[in-house]
Amino acid sequence: MRTAALILGIIGGILGIIAGILAMIIGGVGVAFEAEDAGMIGGLGFVAIIFGVAGVVGGALANRNPKLAASLELAAVLFGFIAVSMFWIPAGLCLIVGALLAFLGRKQRPQEVVAP
């Protein structure tokens, strides 16, 4: 389960970075056409990129520190949705599932030792 958490965290983070880039592009187009608050959309896209990177880091930590990985991924989901809302849905879904798998997969059962 930790490997799936790693993969989903990295994919979700990359999708989050793409969502942030798309928001920045839309904000830039809005600034070019002098739309209201278009600069704010570009700024929120930059914030989304930062939380996309946090999602990638959380996914990368899924094997070593699953509790921290789940926390980073959930924080990235929350603040990513606040930053770019609808653009964040694919990334958010991957990060939520990755966080759940990292947190639930953190407890490993001790292996039985068979005496010879």
N, C-alpha and C. Protein backbone atom coordinates (compact mmCIF):
# COMPACT_ATOMS: atom_id res chain seq x y z
N MET A 1 0.81 -1.19 0.00
CA MET A 1 0.00 0.00 0.00
C MET A 1 0.86 1.26 0.00
N ARG A 2 2.05 1.15 0.56
CA ARG A 2 2.90 2.33 0.57
C ARG A 2 3.40 2.69 -0.83
N THR A 3 3.62 1.70 -1.66
CA THR A 3 4.05 1.97 -3.03
C THR A 3 2.94 2.69 -3.79
N ALA A 4 1.71 2.28 -3.59
CA ALA A 4 0.59 2.97 -4.24
C ALA A 4 0.47 4.39 -3.72
N ALA A 5 0.72 4.60 -2.42
CA ALA A 5 0.69 5.94 -1.85
C ALA A 5 1.78 6.81 -2.47
N LEU A 6 2.95 6.22 -2.67
CA LEU A 6 4.06 6.94 -3.30
C LEU A 6 3.68 7.36 -4.72
N ILE A 7 3.15 6.43 -5.50
CA ILE A 7 2.81 6.72 -6.90
C ILE A 7 1.68 7.75 -6.98
N LEU A 8 0.62 7.56 -6.18
CA LEU A 8 -0.50 8.49 -6.22
C LEU A 8 -0.10 9.88 -5.72
N GLY A 9 0.76 9.94 -4.72
CA GLY A 9 1.23 11.24 -4.24
C GLY A 9 2.03 11.98 -5.28
N ILE A 10 2.89 11.28 -5.97
CA ILE A 10 3.70 11.94 -7.00
C ILE A 10 2.83 12.35 -8.18
N ILE A 11 1.92 11.48 -8.61
CA ILE A 11 1.03 11.83 -9.72
C ILE A 11 0.13 13.01 -9.33
N GLY A 12 -0.42 12.97 -8.11
CA GLY A 12 -1.26 14.07 -7.65
C GLY A 12 -0.50 15.38 -7.57
N GLY A 13 0.73 15.33 -7.10
CA GLY A 13 1.55 16.55 -7.04
C GLY A 13 1.84 17.11 -8.42
N ILE A 14 2.14 16.23 -9.36
CA ILE A 14 2.41 16.69 -10.73
C ILE A 14 1.16 17.29 -11.34
N LEU A 15 0.01 16.65 -11.11
CA LEU A 15 -1.25 17.23 -11.60
C LEU A 15 -1.54 18.57 -10.95
N GLY A 16 -1.17 18.71 -9.68
CA GLY A 16 -1.32 19.99 -8.99
C GLY A 16 -0.43 21.08 -9.57
N ILE A 17 0.78 20.71 -9.93
CA ILE A 17 1.68 21.67 -10.57
C ILE A 17 1.11 22.10 -11.91
N ILE A 18 0.58 21.15 -12.66
CA ILE A 18 -0.05 21.48 -13.95
C ILE A 18 -1.26 22.39 -13.74
N ALA A 19 -2.06 22.12 -12.70
CA ALA A 19 -3.21 22.97 -12.41
C ALA A 19 -2.77 24.39 -12.08
N GLY A 20 -1.70 24.51 -11.32
CA GLY A 20 -1.17 25.84 -11.00
C GLY A 20 -0.67 26.58 -12.23
N ILE A 21 -0.02 25.86 -13.11
CA ILE A 21 0.47 26.48 -14.35
C ILE A 21 -0.71 26.94 -15.21
N LEU A 22 -1.76 26.12 -15.30
CA LEU A 22 -2.94 26.52 -16.06
C LEU A 22 -3.60 27.75 -15.46
N ALA A 23 -3.68 27.82 -14.13
CA ALA A 23 -4.24 29.00 -13.48
C ALA A 23 -3.40 30.23 -13.76
N MET A 24 -2.08 30.07 -13.77
CA MET A 24 -1.21 31.21 -14.08
C MET A 24 -1.39 31.67 -15.52
N ILE A 25 -1.56 30.73 -16.42
CA ILE A 25 -1.79 31.08 -17.83
C ILE A 25 -3.10 31.84 -17.96
N ILE A 26 -4.15 31.35 -17.33
CA ILE A 26 -5.44 32.02 -17.41
C ILE A 26 -5.37 33.40 -16.76
N GLY A 27 -4.66 33.50 -15.64
CA GLY A 27 -4.46 34.81 -15.02
C GLY A 27 -3.68 35.76 -15.92
N GLY A 28 -2.68 35.25 -16.61
CA GLY A 28 -1.90 36.09 -17.53
C GLY A 28 -2.73 36.57 -18.71
N VAL A 29 -3.58 35.70 -19.23
CA VAL A 29 -4.47 36.10 -20.33
C VAL A 29 -5.45 37.17 -19.83
N GLY A 30 -5.94 36.98 -18.61
CA GLY A 30 -6.85 37.97 -18.02
C GLY A 30 -6.18 39.32 -17.83
N VAL A 31 -4.92 39.32 -17.42
CA VAL A 31 -4.18 40.58 -17.28
C VAL A 31 -4.00 41.23 -18.64
N ALA A 32 -3.72 40.42 -19.66
CA ALA A 32 -3.54 40.98 -21.01
C ALA A 32 -4.81 41.65 -21.52
N PHE A 33 -5.96 41.10 -21.15
CA PHE A 33 -7.23 41.69 -21.56
C PHE A 33 -7.80 42.63 -20.50
N GLU A 34 -6.99 42.97 -19.50
CA GLU A 34 -7.34 43.92 -18.44
C GLU A 34 -8.60 43.52 -17.69
N ALA A 35 -8.73 42.25 -17.36
CA ALA A 35 -9.86 41.77 -16.57
C ALA A 35 -9.61 42.06 -15.09
N GLU A 36 -10.70 42.21 -14.34
CA GLU A 36 -10.56 42.48 -12.92
C GLU A 36 -10.03 41.26 -12.18
N ASP A 37 -9.17 41.49 -11.22
CA ASP A 37 -8.61 40.45 -10.35
C ASP A 37 -7.90 39.33 -11.09
N ALA A 38 -7.47 39.56 -12.30
CA ALA A 38 -6.77 38.53 -13.05
C ALA A 38 -5.38 38.28 -12.46
N GLY A 39 -4.76 39.30 -11.91
CA GLY A 39 -3.45 39.13 -11.29
C GLY A 39 -3.51 38.24 -10.07
N MET A 40 -4.63 38.29 -9.37
CA MET A 40 -4.80 37.44 -8.19
C MET A 40 -4.88 35.97 -8.60
N ILE A 41 -5.50 35.70 -9.73
CA ILE A 41 -5.60 34.32 -10.20
C ILE A 41 -4.21 33.77 -10.53
N GLY A 42 -3.38 34.60 -11.14
CA GLY A 42 -2.00 34.19 -11.42
C GLY A 42 -1.22 33.92 -10.14
N GLY A 43 -1.43 34.77 -9.13
CA GLY A 43 -0.76 34.56 -7.84
C GLY A 43 -1.21 33.29 -7.15
N LEU A 44 -2.51 33.01 -7.22
CA LEU A 44 -3.02 31.78 -6.63
C LEU A 44 -2.53 30.55 -7.40
N GLY A 45 -2.29 30.71 -8.70
CA GLY A 45 -1.70 29.62 -9.47
C GLY A 45 -0.30 29.31 -8.98
N PHE A 46 0.46 30.36 -8.63
CA PHE A 46 1.80 30.15 -8.09
C PHE A 46 1.73 29.43 -6.75
N VAL A 47 0.76 29.79 -5.92
CA VAL A 47 0.57 29.11 -4.63
C VAL A 47 0.23 27.64 -4.86
N ALA A 48 -0.60 27.37 -5.87
CA ALA A 48 -0.96 25.99 -6.19
C ALA A 48 0.26 25.18 -6.62
N ILE A 49 1.18 25.81 -7.33
CA ILE A 49 2.42 25.12 -7.72
C ILE A 49 3.22 24.73 -6.48
N ILE A 50 3.29 25.62 -5.51
CA ILE A 50 4.01 25.32 -4.27
C ILE A 50 3.39 24.13 -3.56
N PHE A 51 2.05 24.08 -3.51
CA PHE A 51 1.41 22.95 -2.83
C PHE A 51 1.45 21.69 -3.69
N GLY A 52 1.58 21.83 -4.99
CA GLY A 52 1.82 20.66 -5.84
C GLY A 52 3.17 20.04 -5.53
N VAL A 53 4.16 20.88 -5.32
CA VAL A 53 5.49 20.39 -4.93
C VAL A 53 5.42 19.72 -3.56
N ALA A 54 4.63 20.30 -2.65
CA ALA A 54 4.45 19.67 -1.33
C ALA A 54 3.79 18.30 -1.46
N GLY A 55 2.87 18.16 -2.42
CA GLY A 55 2.26 16.85 -2.67
C GLY A 55 3.25 15.84 -3.20
N VAL A 56 4.14 16.29 -4.07
CA VAL A 56 5.19 15.39 -4.59
C VAL A 56 6.12 14.96 -3.46
N VAL A 57 6.50 15.90 -2.61
CA VAL A 57 7.37 15.57 -1.48
C VAL A 57 6.66 14.60 -0.53
N GLY A 58 5.37 14.85 -0.29
CA GLY A 58 4.60 13.93 0.55
C GLY A 58 4.54 12.54 -0.05
N GLY A 59 4.35 12.45 -1.35
CA GLY A 59 4.34 11.14 -2.00
C GLY A 59 5.68 10.46 -1.91
N ALA A 60 6.75 11.23 -2.04
CA ALA A 60 8.09 10.64 -1.98
C ALA A 60 8.43 10.13 -0.58
N LEU A 61 7.81 10.70 0.44
CA LEU A 61 8.08 10.28 1.81
C LEU A 61 7.19 9.13 2.28
N ALA A 62 6.34 8.61 1.41
CA ALA A 62 5.36 7.60 1.82
C ALA A 62 6.01 6.34 2.38
N ASN A 63 7.15 5.95 1.88
CA ASN A 63 7.81 4.73 2.37
C ASN A 63 8.59 4.96 3.65
N ARG A 64 9.21 6.11 3.80
CA ARG A 64 10.07 6.35 4.96
C ARG A 64 9.30 6.86 6.17
N ASN A 65 8.40 7.82 5.95
CA ASN A 65 7.67 8.44 7.05
C ASN A 65 6.21 8.62 6.63
N PRO A 66 5.39 7.59 6.73
CA PRO A 66 4.04 7.65 6.19
C PRO A 66 3.14 8.65 6.90
N LYS A 67 3.34 8.90 8.18
CA LYS A 67 2.50 9.87 8.88
C LYS A 67 2.77 11.28 8.37
N LEU A 68 4.03 11.63 8.20
CA LEU A 68 4.37 12.94 7.65
C LEU A 68 3.91 13.06 6.20
N ALA A 69 4.04 11.98 5.44
CA ALA A 69 3.60 11.98 4.04
C ALA A 69 2.11 12.23 3.94
N ALA A 70 1.32 11.55 4.77
CA ALA A 70 -0.12 11.76 4.76
C ALA A 70 -0.48 13.18 5.16
N SER A 71 0.23 13.73 6.13
CA SER A 71 -0.03 15.11 6.56
C SER A 71 0.28 16.11 5.45
N LEU A 72 1.42 15.93 4.79
CA LEU A 72 1.78 16.83 3.68
C LEU A 72 0.78 16.74 2.54
N GLU A 73 0.37 15.53 2.21
CA GLU A 73 -0.57 15.36 1.10
C GLU A 73 -1.94 15.96 1.44
N LEU A 74 -2.40 15.79 2.66
CA LEU A 74 -3.69 16.37 3.05
C LEU A 74 -3.62 17.89 3.10
N ALA A 75 -2.50 18.45 3.57
CA ALA A 75 -2.34 19.89 3.56
C ALA A 75 -2.32 20.42 2.13
N ALA A 76 -1.65 19.69 1.24
CA ALA A 76 -1.61 20.10 -0.17
C ALA A 76 -3.00 20.07 -0.78
N VAL A 77 -3.80 19.06 -0.42
CA VAL A 77 -5.17 18.98 -0.94
C VAL A 77 -5.98 20.17 -0.46
N LEU A 78 -5.93 20.46 0.83
CA LEU A 78 -6.74 21.53 1.39
C LEU A 78 -6.38 22.89 0.80
N PHE A 79 -5.11 23.24 0.83
CA PHE A 79 -4.71 24.55 0.36
C PHE A 79 -4.73 24.65 -1.16
N GLY A 80 -4.55 23.55 -1.85
CA GLY A 80 -4.68 23.55 -3.31
C GLY A 80 -6.11 23.85 -3.74
N PHE A 81 -7.08 23.23 -3.05
CA PHE A 81 -8.48 23.52 -3.34
C PHE A 81 -8.81 24.98 -3.03
N ILE A 82 -8.25 25.52 -1.96
CA ILE A 82 -8.48 26.92 -1.64
C ILE A 82 -7.89 27.81 -2.72
N ALA A 83 -6.73 27.47 -3.23
CA ALA A 83 -6.04 28.31 -4.21
C ALA A 83 -6.71 28.31 -5.58
N VAL A 84 -6.91 27.14 -6.15
CA VAL A 84 -7.40 27.10 -7.54
C VAL A 84 -8.66 26.27 -7.72
N SER A 85 -9.31 25.91 -6.69
CA SER A 85 -10.56 25.17 -6.60
C SER A 85 -10.76 24.12 -7.69
N MET A 86 -11.51 24.38 -8.71
CA MET A 86 -11.91 23.35 -9.68
C MET A 86 -10.73 22.76 -10.46
N PHE A 87 -9.68 23.53 -10.66
CA PHE A 87 -8.51 22.99 -11.35
C PHE A 87 -7.84 21.89 -10.52
N TRP A 88 -8.07 21.89 -9.23
CA TRP A 88 -7.37 21.00 -8.32
C TRP A 88 -8.05 19.64 -8.15
N ILE A 89 -9.21 19.43 -8.74
CA ILE A 89 -9.97 18.19 -8.51
C ILE A 89 -9.17 16.93 -8.87
N PRO A 90 -8.57 16.79 -10.06
CA PRO A 90 -7.82 15.55 -10.34
C PRO A 90 -6.63 15.35 -9.38
N ALA A 91 -5.92 16.44 -9.10
CA ALA A 91 -4.79 16.34 -8.18
C ALA A 91 -5.26 16.02 -6.78
N GLY A 92 -6.35 16.64 -6.37
CA GLY A 92 -6.87 16.42 -5.03
C GLY A 92 -7.32 14.99 -4.80
N LEU A 93 -7.96 14.41 -5.80
CA LEU A 93 -8.40 13.02 -5.67
C LEU A 93 -7.22 12.08 -5.51
N CYS A 94 -6.20 12.28 -6.33
CA CYS A 94 -5.01 11.42 -6.23
C CYS A 94 -4.32 11.60 -4.88
N LEU A 95 -4.22 12.84 -4.41
CA LEU A 95 -3.53 13.10 -3.15
C LEU A 95 -4.32 12.58 -1.95
N ILE A 96 -5.65 12.68 -2.00
CA ILE A 96 -6.45 12.15 -0.88
C ILE A 96 -6.29 10.64 -0.78
N VAL A 97 -6.39 9.95 -1.90
CA VAL A 97 -6.24 8.49 -1.88
C VAL A 97 -4.82 8.12 -1.47
N GLY A 98 -3.84 8.85 -1.97
CA GLY A 98 -2.45 8.59 -1.58
C GLY A 98 -2.22 8.81 -0.10
N ALA A 99 -2.83 9.85 0.47
CA ALA A 99 -2.69 10.12 1.90
C ALA A 99 -3.34 9.01 2.72
N LEU A 100 -4.51 8.57 2.29
CA LEU A 100 -5.18 7.48 3.01
C LEU A 100 -4.35 6.20 2.97
N LEU A 101 -3.82 5.89 1.80
CA LEU A 101 -3.01 4.67 1.69
C LEU A 101 -1.72 4.77 2.51
N ALA A 102 -1.12 5.95 2.53
CA ALA A 102 0.10 6.12 3.33
C ALA A 102 -0.21 5.98 4.81
N PHE A 103 -1.31 6.59 5.26
CA PHE A 103 -1.63 6.54 6.69
C PHE A 103 -2.08 5.14 7.11
N LEU A 104 -2.91 4.50 6.30
CA LEU A 104 -3.41 3.18 6.66
C LEU A 104 -2.36 2.09 6.45
N GLY A 105 -1.41 2.33 5.57
CA GLY A 105 -0.37 1.34 5.31
C GLY A 105 0.83 1.48 6.21
N ARG A 106 0.76 2.38 7.19
CA ARG A 106 1.93 2.62 8.04
C ARG A 106 2.17 1.52 9.05
N LYS A 107 1.13 0.77 9.40
CA LYS A 107 1.29 -0.31 10.37
C LYS A 107 1.52 -1.62 9.63
N GLN A 108 2.67 -2.18 9.83
CA GLN A 108 2.95 -3.46 9.21
C GLN A 108 2.87 -4.54 10.27
N ARG A 109 2.33 -5.66 9.89
CA ARG A 109 2.22 -6.79 10.81
C ARG A 109 3.60 -7.43 11.01
N PRO A 110 3.91 -7.79 12.23
CA PRO A 110 5.19 -8.48 12.43
C PRO A 110 5.14 -9.86 11.78
N GLN A 111 6.22 -10.22 11.16
CA GLN A 111 6.27 -11.51 10.49
C GLN A 111 6.59 -12.60 11.53
N GLU A 112 5.93 -13.72 11.31
CA GLU A 112 6.16 -14.84 12.22
C GLU A 112 7.49 -15.51 11.91
N VAL A 113 8.16 -15.87 12.95
CA VAL A 113 9.43 -16.57 12.79
C VAL A 113 9.15 -18.05 12.99
N VAL A 114 9.48 -18.82 11.99
CA VAL A 114 9.27 -20.28 12.04
C VAL A 114 10.56 -20.92 12.54
N ALA A 115 10.45 -21.65 13.63
CA ALA A 115 11.63 -22.32 14.19
C ALA A 115 11.97 -23.55 13.32
N PRO A 116 13.25 -23.74 13.06
CA PRO A 116 13.65 -24.91 12.23
C PRO A 116 13.57 -26.22 12.93
